[in-house]
Amino acid sequence: MKGNKEKKILIVGVGNLYRGDDAIGILMARYFRKFFKDSVKIIGVDATFEDLICDWKNFDVVILIDAIMGDDAGKIYRFEYGIDKIPAVLKFYSTHSFGVAEYIELAEALGTLPKKLIIYGIVGNKFDIGDSISHRVKLSCKNLVGLVLEDLNSGKFLF
């Protein structure tokens, strides 16, 4: 990861392992944990963000991965907080008690946002308890890995 050797980077996978496509954030976090070993901190969040929004302020870059509801399963959206407008699809379209956008707004109000926050949303369409991950979401994982690696290797985080 050129240019990022001294940056503290956190990858957060959000989801619920028992709700089909909603598991993708946590499963991707597990993949990245094996890929990066100790050079990047990786965590999975399966319920709430309360602890996370207090801790992530200690990181230079946070990449958050979560499933979002939509019509085009497998489509990947990328948003950079402070640059891109966080779309309505991230508000109240969550299987979590509070949506990602609401937690970001809370962290902003508390002054606990990281220096850079990138959100990857993968569109899913199977969110019922006991569902398996849809084929199109599984196929999108390879693309997501490439996008995250591109972000980390681009040197964009030299501030």
Protein backbone atom coordinates (compact mmCIF):
# COMPACT_ATOMS: atom_id res chain seq x y z
CA MET A 1 0.00 0.00 0.00
CA LYS A 2 2.16 2.80 -1.24
CA GLY A 3 1.79 6.08 0.58
CA ASN A 4 -0.14 4.54 3.45
CA LYS A 5 2.63 3.03 5.59
CA GLU A 6 2.18 5.56 8.35
CA LYS A 7 -1.58 5.96 8.10
CA LYS A 8 -3.83 4.18 10.54
CA ILE A 9 -6.44 2.40 8.45
CA LEU A 10 -9.60 0.66 9.64
CA ILE A 11 -11.89 -1.51 7.52
CA VAL A 12 -15.33 -2.05 9.02
CA GLY A 13 -17.68 -4.72 7.75
CA VAL A 14 -21.28 -4.17 8.82
CA GLY A 15 -24.02 -6.75 8.66
CA ASN A 16 -25.92 -9.68 10.03
CA LEU A 17 -24.66 -13.17 9.24
CA TYR A 18 -28.18 -14.60 9.46
CA ARG A 19 -29.88 -12.26 6.97
CA GLY A 20 -28.67 -13.29 3.52
CA ASP A 21 -27.09 -10.43 1.60
CA ASP A 22 -26.76 -8.42 4.80
CA ALA A 23 -23.87 -10.71 5.78
CA ILE A 24 -21.64 -9.37 3.02
CA GLY A 25 -20.03 -6.59 5.06
CA ILE A 26 -18.92 -8.95 7.81
CA LEU A 27 -17.78 -11.61 5.33
CA MET A 28 -15.72 -9.03 3.44
CA ALA A 29 -14.15 -7.88 6.72
CA ARG A 30 -13.15 -11.48 7.41
CA TYR A 31 -11.60 -11.72 3.95
CA PHE A 32 -9.65 -8.49 4.37
CA ARG A 33 -8.45 -9.63 7.81
CA LYS A 34 -6.72 -12.59 6.13
CA PHE A 35 -5.44 -10.40 3.30
CA PHE A 36 -3.93 -7.58 5.36
CA LYS A 37 -2.89 -9.48 8.50
CA ASP A 38 -1.72 -6.73 10.88
CA SER A 39 -1.13 -3.79 8.51
CA VAL A 40 -4.78 -2.69 8.58
CA LYS A 41 -7.20 -3.01 11.51
CA ILE A 42 -10.33 -4.94 10.55
CA ILE A 43 -13.54 -5.25 12.55
CA GLY A 44 -17.00 -6.62 11.94
CA VAL A 45 -20.05 -4.86 13.35
CA ASP A 46 -23.14 -7.03 13.57
CA ALA A 47 -25.50 -4.86 15.54
CA THR A 48 -24.76 -1.28 16.49
CA PHE A 49 -22.10 1.32 15.93
CA GLU A 50 -22.02 3.03 19.32
CA ASP A 51 -18.52 1.85 20.24
CA LEU A 52 -17.28 2.22 16.70
CA ILE A 53 -18.15 5.90 16.35
CA CYS A 54 -16.11 6.66 19.45
CA ASP A 55 -13.10 4.59 18.36
CA TRP A 56 -12.82 5.39 14.64
CA LYS A 57 -11.70 8.96 15.30
CA ASN A 58 -8.28 7.45 16.08
CA PHE A 59 -7.88 6.32 12.46
CA ASP A 60 -6.76 8.33 9.46
CA VAL A 61 -8.88 6.33 7.02
CA VAL A 62 -12.00 4.25 7.67
CA ILE A 63 -13.52 2.11 4.92
CA LEU A 64 -17.00 0.89 5.81
CA ILE A 65 -18.68 -1.95 3.88
CA ASP A 66 -22.39 -2.68 4.20
CA ALA A 67 -25.25 -4.15 2.21
CA ILE A 68 -27.94 -1.74 1.05
CA MET A 69 -31.42 -2.42 -0.27
CA GLY A 70 -32.15 -1.78 -3.91
CA ASP A 71 -33.24 -3.20 -7.24
CA ASP A 72 -29.86 -3.96 -8.83
CA ALA A 73 -28.40 -6.74 -6.65
CA GLY A 74 -24.61 -6.78 -6.75
CA LYS A 75 -24.21 -3.15 -7.77
CA ILE A 76 -21.52 -1.39 -5.73
CA TYR A 77 -21.79 2.22 -4.64
CA ARG A 78 -18.85 4.21 -3.26
CA PHE A 79 -19.25 7.38 -1.22
CA GLU A 80 -16.59 9.51 0.40
CA TYR A 81 -17.94 11.46 3.32
CA GLY A 82 -17.41 15.19 2.95
CA ILE A 83 -17.00 14.90 -0.83
CA ASP A 84 -20.00 12.90 -1.99
CA LYS A 85 -23.50 13.52 -0.77
CA ILE A 86 -24.57 10.51 1.26
CA PRO A 87 -27.65 9.30 -0.63
CA ALA A 88 -31.04 8.57 0.83
CA VAL A 89 -30.50 4.86 0.14
CA LEU A 90 -28.22 4.79 3.20
CA LYS A 91 -30.88 6.38 5.41
CA PHE A 92 -33.46 4.16 7.02
CA TYR A 93 -32.79 1.37 4.48
CA SER A 94 -30.96 -0.80 6.91
CA THR A 95 -31.56 -4.06 8.70
CA HIS A 96 -29.78 -2.48 11.65
CA SER A 97 -31.54 -0.59 14.42
CA PHE A 98 -30.14 2.67 13.09
CA GLY A 99 -28.91 3.27 9.53
CA VAL A 100 -25.30 3.95 8.52
CA ALA A 101 -26.12 7.54 7.56
CA GLU A 102 -27.63 8.21 10.97
CA TYR A 103 -24.52 6.92 12.73
CA ILE A 104 -22.34 9.10 10.52
CA GLU A 105 -24.46 12.13 11.41
CA LEU A 106 -24.19 11.23 15.10
CA ALA A 107 -20.40 10.86 14.84
CA GLU A 108 -20.22 14.24 13.13
CA ALA A 109 -22.25 15.84 15.94
CA LEU A 110 -19.96 14.20 18.52
CA GLY A 111 -16.82 15.24 16.66
CA THR A 112 -15.65 11.65 16.30
CA LEU A 113 -15.45 11.23 12.51
CA PRO A 114 -12.18 9.89 11.12
CA LYS A 115 -10.13 12.08 8.77
CA LYS A 116 -11.37 10.10 5.75
CA LEU A 117 -14.50 7.96 5.65
CA ILE A 118 -15.30 5.87 2.60
CA ILE A 119 -18.51 3.87 2.44
CA TYR A 120 -19.06 0.96 0.08
CA GLY A 121 -22.67 -0.12 -0.28
CA ILE A 122 -23.42 -3.39 -2.06
CA VAL A 123 -27.00 -3.69 -3.26
CA GLY A 124 -28.68 -6.83 -2.02
CA ASN A 125 -32.19 -8.21 -2.31
CA LYS A 126 -32.28 -11.16 0.12
CA PHE A 127 -32.47 -9.93 3.71
CA ASP A 128 -34.79 -12.36 5.49
CA ILE A 129 -33.54 -14.44 8.40
CA GLY A 130 -32.18 -17.70 7.04
CA ASP A 131 -31.63 -16.43 3.49
CA SER A 132 -28.37 -17.28 1.76
CA ILE A 133 -26.32 -14.63 -0.01
CA SER A 134 -27.61 -14.00 -3.53
CA HIS A 135 -25.49 -15.05 -6.49
CA ARG A 136 -25.13 -11.49 -7.82
CA VAL A 137 -23.87 -10.20 -4.46
CA LYS A 138 -21.31 -13.03 -4.29
CA LEU A 139 -20.09 -12.13 -7.78
CA SER A 140 -19.65 -8.48 -6.81
CA CYS A 141 -17.20 -9.34 -4.02
CA LYS A 142 -14.25 -9.64 -6.40
CA ASN A 143 -15.00 -6.18 -7.77
CA LEU A 144 -15.28 -4.79 -4.25
CA VAL A 145 -11.87 -6.21 -3.30
CA GLY A 146 -10.38 -4.47 -6.34
CA LEU A 147 -12.02 -1.15 -5.47
CA VAL A 148 -10.83 -1.22 -1.86
CA LEU A 149 -7.29 -2.14 -2.91
CA GLU A 150 -7.35 0.64 -5.50
CA ASP A 151 -8.35 3.12 -2.79
CA LEU A 152 -5.61 1.95 -0.46
CA ASN A 153 -2.90 1.84 -3.14
CA SER A 154 -3.78 5.10 -4.87
CA GLY A 155 -2.04 7.40 -2.43
CA LYS A 156 -5.31 9.36 -2.08
CA PHE A 157 -4.84 9.35 1.65
CA LEU A 158 -1.75 11.51 1.76
CA PHE A 159 -3.03 14.52 3.65
